[in-house]
Amino acid sequence: MPFAKSGLLQNLIFGFHLEREKWGKKSVPLPYFDEKLVVVAGKVITLHPFKMLTTMGKVTIVIFVTAIIILALCSCSVLSNKSIWEKDDLSLFEYIFEKLSDKSDFGSDLSSLNDKEKVFMSMALLEQEVNNGGFDQYFFNLEGKYNDILVSSAEAIKAYDIAEICKKALAVYAEHSEQEDVIEELSEYNDAFYKSNDPISELCAKYAKENKKYFEL
């Protein structure tokens, strides 16, 4: 009688198991499966699918299912990662800034960032702080954490005009670093920053794309 509804793989497993257990190495009539009953050599046996599998069979099924799940998760990860870098520059900038902010406690923990990520973060924070309250706010809030890499970071993303402005602003700050009040001398560099044609956000996004293998998002 032909194989029934239970499926080819299941029939083969059950048939092999029954053959081994009931008949040893002898040949037996082809088993017929019908839902919960199996007919072998004229005998009707109640079917207990998982119980009838050998230990090796159970392990094989578990490994197979696990492998499928892992492959599915990996595929989702690859697709997700690909979609990240297909974002427009502004959306990509915002996404990476958010991820690196979470990763570094809003930029205060530099040890959690690699060199490429520090370049991105220093420029993102520069744009945020200066646009919000000028260089005075930038130096006050970040406490000089990025001062040593500020100019080189601007040059790395090809914001050369911003690099020159930062170089001059840093020189002024160095002369007044002990001053608690607003450093008025920085105001001219605030104006220069606001008038600059260097699009920091877009340049940061392009820099990230060029170095995406270093960005651990």
Protein backbone atom coordinates (compact mmCIF):
# COMPACT_ATOMS: atom_id res chain seq x y z
CA MET A 1 0.00 0.00 0.00
CA PRO A 2 1.47 3.46 -0.85
CA PHE A 3 2.66 6.05 1.65
CA ALA A 4 -0.17 8.06 3.17
CA LYS A 5 -0.59 11.56 4.67
CA SER A 6 2.19 11.49 7.22
CA GLY A 7 4.91 12.56 4.79
CA LEU A 8 7.84 10.82 3.11
CA LEU A 9 10.52 11.66 5.68
CA GLN A 10 8.31 10.65 8.59
CA ASN A 11 7.35 7.38 6.87
CA LEU A 12 10.96 6.51 6.23
CA ILE A 13 11.96 7.21 9.84
CA PHE A 14 9.06 5.24 11.30
CA GLY A 15 9.52 2.39 8.85
CA PHE A 16 13.22 2.12 9.60
CA HIS A 17 12.60 2.24 13.35
CA LEU A 18 9.93 -0.44 13.23
CA GLU A 19 12.03 -2.61 10.98
CA ARG A 20 14.94 -2.45 13.38
CA GLU A 21 12.85 -3.02 16.48
CA LYS A 22 10.40 -5.69 15.25
CA TRP A 23 12.28 -7.53 12.53
CA GLY A 24 15.98 -6.84 12.98
CA LYS A 25 17.64 -6.90 9.55
CA LYS A 26 14.86 -8.87 7.87
CA SER A 27 12.72 -7.36 5.17
CA VAL A 28 9.20 -6.28 6.12
CA PRO A 29 6.21 -5.16 4.06
CA LEU A 30 6.18 -1.47 3.22
CA PRO A 31 4.51 0.36 6.16
CA TYR A 32 1.25 2.20 5.64
CA PHE A 33 0.61 5.35 7.71
CA ASP A 34 -2.75 6.90 8.32
CA GLU A 35 -2.79 9.77 10.85
CA LYS A 36 -2.18 8.03 14.25
CA LEU A 37 -2.15 4.38 13.10
CA VAL A 38 0.50 2.42 11.27
CA VAL A 39 0.03 -0.99 9.64
CA VAL A 40 3.13 -3.15 9.41
CA ALA A 41 3.09 -6.81 8.38
CA GLY A 42 -0.64 -6.89 8.93
CA LYS A 43 -0.47 -5.52 12.48
CA VAL A 44 -2.06 -2.22 13.55
CA ILE A 45 0.20 -0.20 15.85
CA THR A 46 -0.67 3.09 17.58
CA LEU A 47 1.56 5.84 16.27
CA HIS A 48 3.59 7.98 18.71
CA PRO A 49 5.69 10.03 16.31
CA PHE A 50 8.40 11.65 18.44
CA LYS A 51 8.66 8.71 20.85
CA MET A 52 9.33 6.35 17.95
CA LEU A 53 12.34 8.32 16.77
CA THR A 54 15.76 7.10 17.83
CA THR A 55 17.92 9.35 19.99
CA MET A 56 20.12 10.07 16.98
CA GLY A 57 17.05 10.94 14.95
CA LYS A 58 15.87 13.43 17.56
CA VAL A 59 19.31 15.04 17.76
CA THR A 60 19.45 15.30 13.97
CA ILE A 61 16.08 17.05 13.84
CA VAL A 62 17.07 19.50 16.59
CA ILE A 63 20.34 20.33 14.81
CA PHE A 64 18.53 20.76 11.50
CA VAL A 65 15.91 23.11 12.95
CA THR A 66 18.57 25.10 14.83
CA ALA A 67 20.60 25.50 11.64
CA ILE A 68 17.56 26.83 9.79
CA ILE A 69 16.88 29.37 12.56
CA ILE A 70 20.51 30.54 12.58
CA LEU A 71 20.54 30.93 8.80
CA ALA A 72 17.30 32.91 8.95
CA LEU A 73 18.68 35.23 11.63
CA CYS A 74 21.91 35.74 9.70
CA SER A 75 19.97 36.57 6.55
CA CYS A 76 17.88 39.13 8.42
CA SER A 77 21.04 40.67 9.89
CA VAL A 78 22.70 40.95 6.47
CA LEU A 79 19.61 42.51 4.93
CA SER A 80 19.23 44.91 7.85
CA ASN A 81 22.89 45.93 7.68
CA LYS A 82 22.61 46.45 3.94
CA SER A 83 19.56 48.67 4.33
CA ILE A 84 21.40 50.86 6.85
CA TRP A 85 24.02 51.91 4.31
CA GLU A 86 21.40 52.50 1.64
CA LYS A 87 19.85 55.33 3.66
CA ASP A 88 20.19 58.90 2.42
CA ASP A 89 23.06 60.87 3.98
CA LEU A 90 21.00 62.76 6.55
CA SER A 91 19.10 59.66 7.72
CA LEU A 92 22.34 57.68 7.91
CA PHE A 93 24.01 60.44 9.92
CA GLU A 94 21.15 60.53 12.42
CA TYR A 95 21.08 56.74 12.71
CA ILE A 96 24.83 56.40 13.35
CA PHE A 97 24.87 59.37 15.73
CA GLU A 98 22.10 57.76 17.79
CA LYS A 99 23.86 54.38 17.87
CA LEU A 100 27.24 55.82 18.82
CA SER A 101 25.63 58.07 21.43
CA ASP A 102 24.05 55.03 23.09
CA LYS A 103 27.32 53.15 22.83
CA SER A 104 29.46 55.93 24.34
CA ASP A 105 27.09 57.52 26.87
CA PHE A 106 26.44 60.47 24.56
CA GLY A 107 30.10 60.75 23.61
CA SER A 108 31.52 60.95 27.12
CA ASP A 109 33.04 57.45 27.11
CA LEU A 110 35.71 57.56 24.40
CA SER A 111 37.05 54.13 25.37
CA SER A 112 33.96 52.53 23.83
CA LEU A 113 34.69 54.01 20.38
CA ASN A 114 37.35 53.09 17.84
CA ASP A 115 39.30 55.78 15.95
CA LYS A 116 36.88 55.99 13.01
CA GLU A 117 33.91 56.25 15.33
CA LYS A 118 35.66 58.99 17.33
CA VAL A 119 36.10 61.03 14.15
CA PHE A 120 32.39 60.75 13.42
CA MET A 121 31.35 61.46 16.99
CA SER A 122 33.64 64.48 17.42
CA MET A 123 32.17 66.11 14.32
CA ALA A 124 28.58 65.21 15.15
CA LEU A 125 28.93 66.68 18.64
CA LEU A 126 30.71 69.75 17.27
CA GLU A 127 27.82 70.47 14.93
CA GLN A 128 25.23 69.85 17.64
CA GLU A 129 26.87 71.94 20.35
CA VAL A 130 28.09 74.88 18.24
CA ASN A 131 24.77 75.22 16.43
CA ASN A 132 23.02 75.19 19.80
CA GLY A 133 25.26 77.47 21.82
CA GLY A 134 28.48 78.27 20.01
CA PHE A 135 32.04 77.08 20.65
CA ASP A 136 31.77 78.21 24.25
CA GLN A 137 29.05 75.61 24.86
CA TYR A 138 31.02 72.98 22.94
CA PHE A 139 34.12 73.40 25.10
CA PHE A 140 32.13 73.64 28.33
CA ASN A 141 29.90 70.59 27.78
CA LEU A 142 32.54 68.26 26.36
CA GLU A 143 35.25 69.36 28.80
CA GLY A 144 37.97 69.16 26.16
CA LYS A 145 37.49 65.42 25.51
CA TYR A 146 37.76 65.84 21.73
CA ASN A 147 40.08 68.86 21.57
CA ASP A 148 43.12 66.81 20.52
CA ILE A 149 41.35 65.25 17.53
CA LEU A 150 39.01 68.08 16.58
CA VAL A 151 41.05 69.51 13.70
CA SER A 152 42.24 66.14 12.39
CA SER A 153 38.67 64.82 12.50
CA ALA A 154 37.39 67.77 10.46
CA GLU A 155 40.14 67.11 7.92
CA ALA A 156 39.33 63.37 7.90
CA ILE A 157 35.74 64.03 6.76
CA LYS A 158 37.05 66.68 4.31
CA ALA A 159 35.49 69.63 6.14
CA TYR A 160 38.57 71.77 5.53
CA ASP A 161 36.91 75.12 6.21
CA ILE A 162 35.61 73.83 9.55
CA ALA A 163 39.09 72.49 10.34
CA GLU A 164 40.57 75.99 10.00
CA ILE A 165 37.82 77.52 12.11
CA CYS A 166 38.33 74.90 14.82
CA LYS A 167 42.08 75.48 14.82
CA LYS A 168 41.57 79.17 15.57
CA ALA A 169 38.81 78.52 18.11
CA LEU A 170 41.04 76.04 19.95
CA ALA A 171 43.83 78.62 20.15
CA VAL A 172 41.47 81.13 21.73
CA TYR A 173 40.10 78.54 24.13
CA ALA A 174 43.62 77.56 25.22
CA GLU A 175 44.23 81.16 26.29
CA HIS A 176 41.00 81.37 28.29
CA SER A 177 40.48 77.79 29.45
CA GLU A 178 40.45 78.83 33.12
CA GLN A 179 37.81 81.48 32.50
CA GLU A 180 34.41 80.58 33.94
CA ASP A 181 32.38 83.16 32.06
CA VAL A 182 31.53 83.15 28.36
CA ILE A 183 34.60 83.62 26.18
CA GLU A 184 33.58 86.56 24.02
CA GLU A 185 36.55 86.12 21.72
CA LEU A 186 34.97 82.93 20.39
CA SER A 187 31.97 84.75 18.94
CA GLU A 188 33.67 85.53 15.63
CA TYR A 189 34.40 81.84 15.12
CA ASN A 190 30.80 81.02 15.91
CA ASP A 191 29.76 83.30 13.06
CA ALA A 192 32.35 81.76 10.75
CA PHE A 193 31.07 78.29 11.65
CA TYR A 194 27.45 79.22 10.89
CA LYS A 195 28.47 80.68 7.52
CA SER A 196 30.64 77.72 6.50
CA ASN A 197 29.63 75.77 3.42
CA ASP A 198 30.96 72.51 4.83
CA PRO A 199 27.90 70.24 5.32
CA ILE A 200 29.13 68.35 8.39
CA SER A 201 26.23 65.88 8.59
CA GLU A 202 26.54 64.83 4.95
CA LEU A 203 30.34 64.65 5.14
CA CYS A 204 30.11 62.49 8.26
CA ALA A 205 27.71 60.14 6.48
CA LYS A 206 30.03 59.85 3.47
CA TYR A 207 32.98 59.23 5.79
CA ALA A 208 31.04 56.46 7.54
CA LYS A 209 30.16 54.82 4.21
CA GLU A 210 33.81 54.88 3.13
CA ASN A 211 34.81 53.27 6.46
CA LYS A 212 31.71 51.20 7.21
CA LYS A 213 33.69 48.09 8.15
CA TYR A 214 34.98 50.00 11.19
CA PHE A 215 31.56 51.11 12.43
CA GLU A 216 30.27 48.61 14.97
CA LEU A 217 26.58 49.44 15.02
